[in-house]
PDB file of N, CA and C in Angstrom:
ATOM      1  N   UNK A   1       0.860  -1.205   0.000  1.00  0.00           N
ATOM      2  CA  UNK A   1       0.000   0.000   0.000  1.00  0.00           C
ATOM      3  C   UNK A   1       0.896   1.256   0.000  1.00  0.00           C
ATOM      4  N   UNK A   2       0.706   2.099  -0.975  1.00  0.00           N
ATOM      5  CA  UNK A   2       1.499   3.332  -1.059  1.00  0.00           C
ATOM      6  C   UNK A   2       0.999   4.334  -0.022  1.00  0.00           C
ATOM      7  N   UNK A   3       1.906   5.097   0.521  1.00  0.00           N
ATOM      8  CA  UNK A   3       1.517   6.107   1.507  1.00  0.00           C
ATOM      9  C   UNK A   3       0.727   7.222   0.814  1.00  0.00           C
ATOM     10  N   UNK A   4      -0.166   7.891   1.563  1.00  0.00           N
ATOM     11  CA  UNK A   4      -0.989   8.970   0.970  1.00  0.00           C
ATOM     12  C   UNK A   4      -0.136  10.030   0.281  1.00  0.00           C
ATOM     13  N   UNK A   5       1.045  10.284   0.870  1.00  0.00           N
ATOM     14  CA  UNK A   5       1.908  11.331   0.306  1.00  0.00           C
ATOM     15  C   UNK A   5       2.351  10.961  -1.105  1.00  0.00           C
ATOM     16  N   UNK A   6       2.698   9.682  -1.309  1.00  0.00           N
ATOM     17  CA  UNK A   6       3.149   9.223  -2.629  1.00  0.00           C
ATOM     18  C   UNK A   6       2.001   9.327  -3.630  1.00  0.00           C
ATOM     19  N   UNK A   7       0.806   8.909  -3.181  1.00  0.00           N
ATOM     20  CA  UNK A   7      -0.377   8.990  -4.055  1.00  0.00           C
ATOM     21  C   UNK A   7      -0.629  10.439  -4.455  1.00  0.00           C
ATOM     22  N   UNK A   8      -0.626  11.301  -3.446  1.00  0.00           N
ATOM     23  CA  UNK A   8      -0.868  12.735  -3.658  1.00  0.00           C
ATOM     24  C   UNK A   8       0.145  13.281  -4.655  1.00  0.00           C
ATOM     25  N   UNK A   9       1.419  12.939  -4.452  1.00  0.00           N
ATOM     26  CA  UNK A   9       2.478  13.467  -5.306  1.00  0.00           C
ATOM     27  C   UNK A   9       2.319  12.951  -6.735  1.00  0.00           C
ATOM     28  N   UNK A  10       1.902  11.694  -6.872  1.00  0.00           N
ATOM     29  CA  UNK A  10       1.682  11.125  -8.208  1.00  0.00           C
ATOM     30  C   UNK A  10       0.538  11.860  -8.905  1.00  0.00           C
ATOM     31  N   UNK A  11      -0.501  12.156  -8.127  1.00  0.00           N
ATOM     32  CA  UNK A  11      -1.652  12.863  -8.695  1.00  0.00           C
ATOM     33  C   UNK A  11      -1.238  14.269  -9.141  1.00  0.00           C
ATOM     34  N   UNK A  12      -0.463  14.949  -8.305  1.00  0.00           N
ATOM     35  CA  UNK A  12       0.001  16.295  -8.652  1.00  0.00           C
ATOM     36  C   UNK A  12       0.865  16.268  -9.901  1.00  0.00           C
ATOM     37  N   UNK A  13       1.740  15.259  -9.977  1.00  0.00           N
ATOM     38  CA  UNK A  13       2.591  15.134 -11.159  1.00  0.00           C
ATOM     39  C   UNK A  13       1.736  14.945 -12.398  1.00  0.00           C
ATOM     40  N   UNK A  14       0.701  14.099 -12.263  1.00  0.00           N
ATOM     41  CA  UNK A  14      -0.189  13.830 -13.391  1.00  0.00           C
ATOM     42  C   UNK A  14      -0.898  15.118 -13.825  1.00  0.00           C
ATOM     43  N   UNK A  15      -1.424  15.852 -12.836  1.00  0.00           N
ATOM     44  CA  UNK A  15      -2.129  17.110 -13.129  1.00  0.00           C
ATOM     45  C   UNK A  15      -1.182  18.116 -13.780  1.00  0.00           C
ATOM     46  N   UNK A  16       0.026  18.223 -13.218  1.00  0.00           N
ATOM     47  CA  UNK A  16       1.006  19.163 -13.771  1.00  0.00           C
ATOM     48  C   UNK A  16       1.403  18.775 -15.189  1.00  0.00           C
ATOM     49  N   UNK A  17       1.407  17.470 -15.450  1.00  0.00           N
ATOM     50  CA  UNK A  17       1.791  16.982 -16.776  1.00  0.00           C
ATOM     51  C   UNK A  17       0.655  17.207 -17.766  1.00  0.00           C
ATOM     52  N   UNK A  18      -0.591  17.058 -17.284  1.00  0.00           N
ATOM     53  CA  UNK A  18      -1.757  17.168 -18.152  1.00  0.00           C
ATOM     54  C   UNK A  18      -2.100  18.625 -18.471  1.00  0.00           C
ATOM     55  N   UNK A  19      -2.065  19.493 -17.448  1.00  0.00           N
ATOM     56  CA  UNK A  19      -2.567  20.864 -17.591  1.00  0.00           C
ATOM     57  C   UNK A  19      -1.947  21.627 -18.760  1.00  0.00           C
ATOM     58  N   UNK A  20      -0.618  21.635 -18.920  1.00  0.00           N
ATOM     59  CA  UNK A  20      -0.055  22.381 -20.059  1.00  0.00           C
ATOM     60  C   UNK A  20      -0.571  21.866 -21.395  1.00  0.00           C
ATOM     61  N   UNK A  21      -0.777  20.544 -21.488  1.00  0.00           N
ATOM     62  CA  UNK A  21      -1.288  19.973 -22.734  1.00  0.00           C
ATOM     63  C   UNK A  21      -2.694  20.491 -23.017  1.00  0.00           C
ATOM     64  N   UNK A  22      -3.535  20.522 -21.973  1.00  0.00           N
ATOM     65  CA  UNK A  22      -4.915  20.993 -22.135  1.00  0.00           C
ATOM     66  C   UNK A  22      -4.912  22.469 -22.536  1.00  0.00           C
ATOM     67  N   UNK A  23      -4.105  23.274 -21.828  1.00  0.00           N
ATOM     68  CA  UNK A  23      -4.012  24.705 -22.141  1.00  0.00           C
ATOM     69  C   UNK A  23      -3.506  24.895 -23.570  1.00  0.00           C
ATOM     70  N   UNK A  24      -2.491  24.109 -23.936  1.00  0.00           N
ATOM     71  CA  UNK A  24      -1.908  24.197 -25.283  1.00  0.00           C
ATOM     72  C   UNK A  24      -2.969  23.886 -26.337  1.00  0.00           C
ATOM     73  N   UNK A  25      -3.722  22.803 -26.114  1.00  0.00           N
ATOM     74  CA  UNK A  25      -4.755  22.406 -27.078  1.00  0.00           C
ATOM     75  C   UNK A  25      -5.832  23.484 -27.187  1.00  0.00           C
ATOM     76  N   UNK A  26      -6.292  23.960 -26.034  1.00  0.00           N
ATOM     77  CA  UNK A  26      -7.343  24.976 -26.028  1.00  0.00           C
ATOM     78  C   UNK A  26      -6.847  26.238 -26.731  1.00  0.00           C
ATOM     79  N   UNK A  27      -5.610  26.613 -26.428  1.00  0.00           N
ATOM     80  CA  UNK A  27      -5.037  27.823 -27.014  1.00  0.00           C
ATOM     81  C   UNK A  27      -4.952  27.690 -28.531  1.00  0.00           C
ATOM     82  N   UNK A  28      -4.552  26.523 -29.002  1.00  0.00           N
ATOM     83  CA  UNK A  28      -4.366  26.358 -30.440  1.00  0.00           C
ATOM     84  C   UNK A  28      -5.669  26.057 -31.161  1.00  0.00           C
ATOM     85  N   UNK A  29      -6.716  25.697 -30.419  1.00  0.00           N
ATOM     86  CA  UNK A  29      -8.007  25.443 -31.057  1.00  0.00           C
ATOM     87  C   UNK A  29      -8.873  26.693 -31.101  1.00  0.00           C
ATOM     88  N   UNK A  30      -8.475  27.755 -30.384  1.00  0.00           N
ATOM     89  CA  UNK A  30      -9.287  28.973 -30.393  1.00  0.00           C
ATOM     90  C   UNK A  30      -9.588  29.467 -31.798  1.00  0.00           C
ATOM     91  N   UNK A  31      -8.574  29.598 -32.679  1.00  0.00           N
ATOM     92  CA  UNK A  31      -8.890  30.089 -34.028  1.00  0.00           C
ATOM     93  C   UNK A  31      -9.915  29.202 -34.718  1.00  0.00           C
ATOM     94  N   UNK A  32      -9.766  27.882 -34.538  1.00  0.00           N
ATOM     95  CA  UNK A  32     -10.694  26.960 -35.194  1.00  0.00           C
ATOM     96  C   UNK A  32     -12.105  27.121 -34.634  1.00  0.00           C
ATOM     97  N   UNK A  33     -12.192  27.238 -33.283  1.00  0.00           N
ATOM     98  CA  UNK A  33     -13.495  27.393 -32.639  1.00  0.00           C
ATOM     99  C   UNK A  33     -14.155  28.689 -33.106  1.00  0.00           C
ATOM    100  N   UNK A  34     -13.388  29.781 -33.122  1.00  0.00           N
ATOM    101  CA  UNK A  34     -13.925  31.073 -33.561  1.00  0.00           C
ATOM    102  C   UNK A  34     -14.356  31.014 -35.015  1.00  0.00           C
ATOM    103  N   UNK A  35     -13.553  30.341 -35.839  1.00  0.00           N
ATOM    104  CA  UNK A  35     -13.885  30.210 -37.255  1.00  0.00           C
ATOM    105  C   UNK A  35     -15.189  29.443 -37.423  1.00  0.00           C
ATOM    106  N   UNK A  36     -15.332  28.361 -36.659  1.00  0.00           N
ATOM    107  CA  UNK A  36     -16.562  27.569 -36.730  1.00  0.00           C
ATOM    108  C   UNK A  36     -17.769  28.407 -36.323  1.00  0.00           C
ATOM    109  N   UNK A  37     -17.619  29.180 -35.233  1.00  0.00           N
ATOM    110  CA  UNK A  37     -18.716  30.042 -34.786  1.00  0.00           C
ATOM    111  C   UNK A  37     -19.063  31.064 -35.866  1.00  0.00           C
ATOM    112  N   UNK A  38     -18.018  31.652 -36.452  1.00  0.00           N
ATOM    113  CA  UNK A  38     -18.190  32.662 -37.489  1.00  0.00           C
ATOM    114  C   UNK A  38     -18.914  32.069 -38.697  1.00  0.00           C
ATOM    115  N   UNK A  39     -18.472  30.886 -39.136  1.00  0.00           N
ATOM    116  CA  UNK A  39     -19.088  30.233 -40.294  1.00  0.00           C
ATOM    117  C   UNK A  39     -20.537  29.860 -40.007  1.00  0.00           C
ATOM    118  N   UNK A  40     -20.801  29.416 -38.774  1.00  0.00           N
ATOM    119  CA  UNK A  40     -22.173  29.073 -38.393  1.00  0.00           C
ATOM    120  C   UNK A  40     -23.059  30.307 -38.484  1.00  0.00           C
ATOM    121  N   UNK A  41     -22.565  31.427 -37.964  1.00  0.00           N
ATOM    122  CA  UNK A  41     -23.316  32.685 -38.025  1.00  0.00           C
ATOM    123  C   UNK A  41     -23.566  33.092 -39.480  1.00  0.00           C
ATOM    124  N   UNK A  42     -22.531  32.995 -40.308  1.00  0.00           N
ATOM    125  CA  UNK A  42     -22.659  33.353 -41.721  1.00  0.00           C
ATOM    126  C   UNK A  42     -23.710  32.493 -42.394  1.00  0.00           C
ATOM    127  N   UNK A  43     -23.667  31.203 -42.085  1.00  0.00           N
ATOM    128  CA  UNK A  43     -24.615  30.264 -42.683  1.00  0.00           C
ATOM    129  C   UNK A  43     -26.040  30.626 -42.277  1.00  0.00           C
ATOM    130  N   UNK A  44     -26.236  30.908 -40.982  1.00  0.00           N
ATOM    131  CA  UNK A  44     -27.563  31.303 -40.494  1.00  0.00           C
ATOM    132  C   UNK A  44     -28.028  32.564 -41.219  1.00  0.00           C
ATOM    133  N   UNK A  45     -27.142  33.524 -41.355  1.00  0.00           N
ATOM    134  CA  UNK A  45     -27.466  34.791 -42.004  1.00  0.00           C
ATOM    135  C   UNK A  45     -27.840  34.561 -43.469  1.00  0.00           C
ATOM    136  N   UNK A  46     -27.031  33.734 -44.159  1.00  0.00           N
ATOM    137  CA  UNK A  46     -27.295  33.433 -45.570  1.00  0.00           C
ATOM    138  C   UNK A  46     -28.653  32.768 -45.741  1.00  0.00           C
ATOM    139  N   UNK A  47     -28.973  31.835 -44.847  1.00  0.00           N
ATOM    140  CA  UNK A  47     -30.262  31.144 -44.925  1.00  0.00           C
ATOM    141  C   UNK A  47     -31.392  32.152 -44.747  1.00  0.00           C
ATOM    142  N   UNK A  48     -31.250  33.056 -43.791  1.00  0.00           N
ATOM    143  CA  UNK A  48     -32.282  34.071 -43.556  1.00  0.00           C
ATOM    144  C   UNK A  48     -32.456  34.949 -44.790  1.00  0.00           C
ATOM    145  N   UNK A  49     -31.350  35.361 -45.392  1.00  0.00           N
ATOM    146  CA  UNK A  49     -31.401  36.217 -46.583  1.00  0.00           C
ATOM    147  C   UNK A  49     -32.104  35.487 -47.719  1.00  0.00           C
ATOM    148  N   UNK A  50     -31.753  34.219 -47.925  1.00  0.00           N
ATOM    149  CA  UNK A  50     -32.363  33.423 -48.993  1.00  0.00           C
ATOM    150  C   UNK A  50     -33.867  33.294 -48.757  1.00  0.00           C
ATOM    151  N   UNK A  51     -34.261  33.022 -47.521  1.00  0.00           N
ATOM    152  CA  UNK A  51     -35.684  32.885 -47.186  1.00  0.00           C
ATOM    153  C   UNK A  51     -36.413  34.191 -47.471  1.00  0.00           C
ATOM    154  N   UNK A  52     -35.829  35.309 -47.052  1.00  0.00           N
ATOM    155  CA  UNK A  52     -36.443  36.623 -47.280  1.00  0.00           C
ATOM    156  C   UNK A  52     -36.565  36.893 -48.778  1.00  0.00           C
ATOM    157  N   UNK A  53     -35.508  36.603 -49.525  1.00  0.00           N
ATOM    158  CA  UNK A  53     -35.529  36.818 -50.975  1.00  0.00           C
ATOM    159  C   UNK A  53     -36.609  35.968 -51.635  1.00  0.00           C
ATOM    160  N   UNK A  54     -36.728  34.719 -51.204  1.00  0.00           N
ATOM    161  CA  UNK A  54     -37.751  33.845 -51.774  1.00  0.00           C
ATOM    162  C   UNK A  54     -39.138  34.406 -51.505  1.00  0.00           C
ATOM    163  N   UNK A  55     -39.343  34.883 -50.285  1.00  0.00           N
ATOM    164  CA  UNK A  55     -40.653  35.438 -49.908  1.00  0.00           C
ATOM    165  C   UNK A  55     -40.928  36.702 -50.729  1.00  0.00           C
ATOM    166  N   UNK A  56     -39.918  37.555 -50.874  1.00  0.00           N
ATOM    167  CA  UNK A  56     -40.076  38.837 -51.570  1.00  0.00           C
ATOM    168  C   UNK A  56     -40.310  38.620 -53.066  1.00  0.00           C
ATOM    169  N   UNK A  57     -39.607  37.648 -53.655  1.00  0.00           N
ATOM    170  CA  UNK A  57     -39.685  37.481 -55.109  1.00  0.00           C
ATOM    171  C   UNK A  57     -40.837  36.577 -55.548  1.00  0.00           C
ATOM    172  N   UNK A  58     -41.593  36.043 -54.594  1.00  0.00           N
ATOM    173  CA  UNK A  58     -42.738  35.210 -54.996  1.00  0.00           C
ATOM    174  C   UNK A  58     -43.836  36.090 -55.573  1.00  0.00           C
ATOM    175  N   UNK A  59     -44.465  35.622 -56.631  1.00  0.00           N
ATOM    176  CA  UNK A  59     -45.538  36.422 -57.243  1.00  0.00           C
ATOM    177  C   UNK A  59     -46.769  36.521 -56.340  1.00  0.00           C
TER     178      UNK A  59
END
């Protein structure tokens, strides 16, 4: 049975090892996330414009 201190230290090492990777991934995915949000907004806007145009141009 490992002492609590060893367990604690292993957990801290794991967290310290994981955290920079998570921050790195999040940091490098920001442009992609923003781009996706932007494209989604554009798509919604385009759909609205098309719907309005269809309604306006109907006889």
